[in-house]
N, C-alpha and C. Protein backbone atom coordinates (compact mmCIF):
# COMPACT_ATOMS: atom_id res chain seq x y z
N MET A 1 47.73 58.17 4.20
CA MET A 1 48.60 57.05 4.07
C MET A 1 49.44 57.25 2.89
N LEU A 2 50.82 57.00 3.09
CA LEU A 2 51.86 57.06 2.03
C LEU A 2 52.10 55.69 1.50
N THR A 3 52.06 55.67 0.17
CA THR A 3 52.41 54.23 -0.49
C THR A 3 53.47 54.39 -1.42
N ILE A 4 54.01 53.25 -1.83
CA ILE A 4 55.08 53.15 -2.84
C ILE A 4 54.72 51.96 -3.64
N GLU A 5 54.96 52.04 -5.06
CA GLU A 5 54.78 50.91 -5.83
C GLU A 5 56.19 50.48 -6.25
N MET A 6 56.31 49.14 -6.21
CA MET A 6 57.56 48.46 -6.62
C MET A 6 57.21 47.35 -7.61
N ILE A 7 58.11 47.20 -8.60
CA ILE A 7 58.03 46.03 -9.48
C ILE A 7 58.80 44.94 -8.94
N LEU A 8 58.19 43.79 -8.54
CA LEU A 8 58.77 42.70 -7.84
C LEU A 8 58.43 41.33 -8.47
N PRO A 9 59.12 40.22 -8.15
CA PRO A 9 58.83 39.02 -8.67
C PRO A 9 57.35 38.57 -8.29
N ARG A 10 56.64 38.09 -9.23
CA ARG A 10 55.27 37.74 -9.08
C ARG A 10 55.11 36.55 -8.12
N HIS A 11 56.10 35.72 -8.00
CA HIS A 11 55.97 34.55 -7.15
C HIS A 11 56.23 34.93 -5.65
N TRP A 12 56.51 36.28 -5.51
CA TRP A 12 56.69 36.74 -4.03
C TRP A 12 55.22 37.28 -3.49
N ALA A 13 54.25 37.16 -4.28
CA ALA A 13 52.96 37.80 -3.86
C ALA A 13 52.45 37.15 -2.63
N TYR A 14 52.29 35.85 -2.52
CA TYR A 14 51.64 35.30 -1.38
C TYR A 14 52.62 35.47 -0.12
N ALA A 15 53.89 35.38 -0.32
CA ALA A 15 54.80 35.53 0.86
C ALA A 15 54.66 37.04 1.44
N LEU A 16 54.60 38.00 0.49
CA LEU A 16 54.54 39.38 0.99
C LEU A 16 53.19 39.82 1.44
N ASN A 17 52.16 39.24 0.79
CA ASN A 17 50.78 39.56 1.18
C ASN A 17 50.33 38.88 2.49
N TYR A 18 50.62 37.57 2.55
CA TYR A 18 50.10 36.73 3.67
C TYR A 18 51.07 36.00 4.47
N GLY A 19 52.40 36.20 4.26
CA GLY A 19 53.44 35.55 4.96
C GLY A 19 53.52 34.11 4.58
N GLU A 20 52.98 33.64 3.49
CA GLU A 20 52.91 32.22 3.08
C GLU A 20 54.14 31.81 2.28
N MET A 21 55.03 31.02 2.85
CA MET A 21 56.25 30.69 2.26
C MET A 21 56.24 29.26 1.68
N ASP A 22 55.09 28.57 1.76
CA ASP A 22 55.01 27.25 1.29
C ASP A 22 55.28 27.19 -0.29
N GLY A 23 56.08 26.16 -0.72
CA GLY A 23 56.32 26.03 -2.20
C GLY A 23 57.48 26.79 -2.55
N LEU A 24 58.10 27.57 -1.73
CA LEU A 24 59.36 28.40 -2.09
C LEU A 24 60.64 27.54 -1.54
N ASP A 25 61.70 27.55 -2.33
CA ASP A 25 62.86 26.91 -1.81
C ASP A 25 63.61 27.84 -0.93
N GLU A 26 64.69 27.32 -0.29
CA GLU A 26 65.47 28.09 0.73
C GLU A 26 66.02 29.37 0.24
N ASP A 27 66.54 29.25 -1.10
CA ASP A 27 67.15 30.51 -1.59
C ASP A 27 66.05 31.58 -1.83
N GLU A 28 64.89 31.20 -2.31
CA GLU A 28 63.77 32.19 -2.49
C GLU A 28 63.38 32.80 -1.17
N ILE A 29 63.18 31.93 -0.14
CA ILE A 29 62.76 32.37 1.19
C ILE A 29 63.82 33.42 1.70
N LYS A 30 65.09 33.06 1.51
CA LYS A 30 66.21 34.03 1.94
C LYS A 30 66.10 35.31 1.22
N SER A 31 65.86 35.22 -0.01
CA SER A 31 65.76 36.48 -0.89
C SER A 31 64.73 37.37 -0.27
N ILE A 32 63.46 36.71 -0.09
CA ILE A 32 62.34 37.53 0.43
C ILE A 32 62.62 38.04 1.77
N GLU A 33 63.27 37.38 2.70
CA GLU A 33 63.62 37.91 3.98
C GLU A 33 64.54 39.08 3.80
N GLU A 34 65.67 38.90 2.93
CA GLU A 34 66.45 40.05 2.79
C GLU A 34 65.82 41.26 2.29
N PHE A 35 64.87 41.05 1.34
CA PHE A 35 64.09 42.26 0.88
C PHE A 35 63.37 42.85 2.00
N GLN A 36 62.64 42.00 2.85
CA GLN A 36 61.82 42.54 3.86
C GLN A 36 62.65 43.41 4.92
N GLN A 37 63.77 42.85 5.14
CA GLN A 37 64.74 43.54 6.09
C GLN A 37 65.18 44.93 5.33
N TRP A 38 65.39 44.93 4.16
CA TRP A 38 65.75 46.15 3.41
C TRP A 38 64.72 47.16 3.61
N MET A 39 63.35 46.63 3.28
CA MET A 39 62.22 47.54 3.38
C MET A 39 62.10 48.12 4.84
N ILE A 40 62.29 47.35 5.78
CA ILE A 40 62.15 47.83 7.19
C ILE A 40 63.19 48.88 7.48
N LYS A 41 64.45 48.70 7.00
CA LYS A 41 65.44 49.56 7.20
C LYS A 41 65.29 50.89 6.47
N GLU A 42 64.83 50.77 5.17
CA GLU A 42 64.56 51.93 4.31
C GLU A 42 63.27 52.72 4.66
N TYR A 43 62.21 51.96 4.93
CA TYR A 43 60.81 52.58 5.09
C TYR A 43 60.27 52.43 6.43
N GLY A 44 60.82 51.57 7.30
CA GLY A 44 60.31 51.43 8.62
C GLY A 44 59.24 50.27 8.71
N GLY A 45 59.02 49.58 7.48
CA GLY A 45 58.00 48.47 7.66
C GLY A 45 57.97 47.89 6.19
N CYS A 46 57.22 46.80 6.20
CA CYS A 46 57.14 46.01 4.90
C CYS A 46 55.64 45.56 4.80
N TRP A 47 54.69 46.41 4.68
CA TRP A 47 53.40 46.03 4.61
C TRP A 47 52.72 46.22 3.21
N CYS A 48 52.66 45.00 2.52
CA CYS A 48 52.11 44.87 1.23
C CYS A 48 50.60 45.07 1.21
N LEU A 49 50.07 46.01 0.50
CA LEU A 49 48.66 46.27 0.38
C LEU A 49 47.99 45.60 -0.71
N GLU A 50 48.66 45.60 -1.87
CA GLU A 50 48.09 45.02 -3.06
C GLU A 50 49.14 44.51 -4.08
N VAL A 51 48.78 43.66 -4.89
CA VAL A 51 49.61 43.07 -5.95
C VAL A 51 48.59 43.16 -7.14
N SER A 52 49.17 43.88 -8.21
CA SER A 52 48.35 43.88 -9.39
C SER A 52 48.15 42.51 -10.08
N GLY A 53 47.13 42.38 -10.85
CA GLY A 53 46.81 41.08 -11.55
C GLY A 53 47.60 41.02 -12.75
N ASP A 54 48.18 42.14 -13.24
CA ASP A 54 49.04 42.14 -14.45
C ASP A 54 50.36 41.76 -14.15
N TYR A 55 50.96 40.93 -15.06
CA TYR A 55 52.29 40.54 -14.87
C TYR A 55 52.94 40.49 -16.35
N TRP A 56 54.41 40.57 -16.34
CA TRP A 56 55.15 40.49 -17.49
C TRP A 56 56.55 40.00 -17.09
N PHE A 57 57.27 39.59 -18.10
CA PHE A 57 58.73 39.20 -17.84
C PHE A 57 59.68 40.38 -17.97
N SER A 58 60.49 40.49 -16.90
CA SER A 58 61.37 41.66 -16.89
C SER A 58 62.78 41.20 -16.41
N LYS A 59 63.78 41.74 -17.16
CA LYS A 59 65.17 41.46 -16.72
C LYS A 59 65.52 42.39 -15.54
N PHE A 60 64.86 43.68 -15.53
CA PHE A 60 65.03 44.61 -14.51
C PHE A 60 63.89 44.90 -13.69
N HIS A 61 64.03 44.88 -12.37
CA HIS A 61 62.98 45.02 -11.34
C HIS A 61 63.58 45.49 -10.10
N ASP A 62 62.72 45.80 -9.09
CA ASP A 62 63.17 46.36 -7.83
C ASP A 62 63.83 45.36 -6.90
N ALA A 63 63.72 44.06 -7.35
CA ALA A 63 64.43 43.02 -6.49
C ALA A 63 65.65 42.34 -7.19
N SER A 64 66.12 43.14 -8.21
CA SER A 64 67.27 42.52 -9.01
C SER A 64 68.38 42.15 -8.20
N GLU A 65 68.58 42.79 -7.11
CA GLU A 65 69.70 42.43 -6.22
C GLU A 65 69.61 41.04 -5.64
N TRP A 66 68.37 40.55 -5.56
CA TRP A 66 68.03 39.31 -4.87
C TRP A 66 67.55 38.17 -5.87
N VAL A 67 67.06 38.55 -7.01
CA VAL A 67 66.29 37.67 -7.87
C VAL A 67 66.77 37.87 -9.41
N LEU A 68 66.93 36.85 -10.15
CA LEU A 68 67.18 36.89 -11.51
C LEU A 68 65.93 37.39 -12.32
N PRO A 69 66.14 37.68 -13.66
CA PRO A 69 64.90 38.01 -14.38
C PRO A 69 63.79 37.02 -14.23
N CYS A 70 62.57 37.53 -14.18
CA CYS A 70 61.48 36.71 -13.97
C CYS A 70 60.16 37.42 -14.31
N ASP A 71 58.98 36.73 -14.19
CA ASP A 71 57.70 37.44 -14.26
C ASP A 71 57.46 38.34 -13.05
N VAL A 72 57.09 39.49 -13.29
CA VAL A 72 56.90 40.50 -12.23
C VAL A 72 55.51 41.22 -12.29
N SER A 73 55.07 41.72 -11.14
CA SER A 73 53.91 42.41 -11.02
C SER A 73 54.25 43.74 -10.21
N THR A 74 53.18 44.69 -10.19
CA THR A 74 53.41 45.86 -9.38
C THR A 74 52.89 45.56 -8.00
N PHE A 75 53.61 45.79 -6.94
CA PHE A 75 53.23 45.58 -5.58
C PHE A 75 53.22 47.01 -4.99
N THR A 76 52.04 47.15 -4.17
CA THR A 76 51.88 48.56 -3.55
C THR A 76 52.16 48.32 -1.98
N PHE A 77 52.90 49.08 -1.36
CA PHE A 77 53.29 49.07 0.02
C PHE A 77 52.97 50.25 0.81
N ASP A 78 52.45 50.15 2.04
CA ASP A 78 52.13 51.24 2.92
C ASP A 78 53.48 51.58 3.60
N ILE A 79 53.91 52.83 3.41
CA ILE A 79 55.14 53.27 3.99
C ILE A 79 54.83 54.55 4.91
N THR A 80 53.67 54.67 5.47
CA THR A 80 53.33 55.76 6.37
C THR A 80 54.17 55.59 7.58
N PRO A 81 54.86 56.65 7.97
CA PRO A 81 55.59 56.61 9.19
C PRO A 81 54.78 56.38 10.46
N GLU A 82 55.17 55.64 11.44
CA GLU A 82 54.47 55.36 12.64
C GLU A 82 54.35 56.61 13.53
């Protein structure tokens, strides 16, 4: 299995792990969906395996194109080619 770790907004955890978008506003949902489309284009899928329990505030993260500075965590994704 090939994996990649990315630093992403902590509040994306439920959406990326479980597909749970409740509590997110339209702009946040749009940002997550754009990120997922980018992952599919770049890696062939967007399968989040794990989100670390640690978090910190960061101005720079792997979703900076879609989200302003925020609390972030390390997300691990399966990028194994099919």
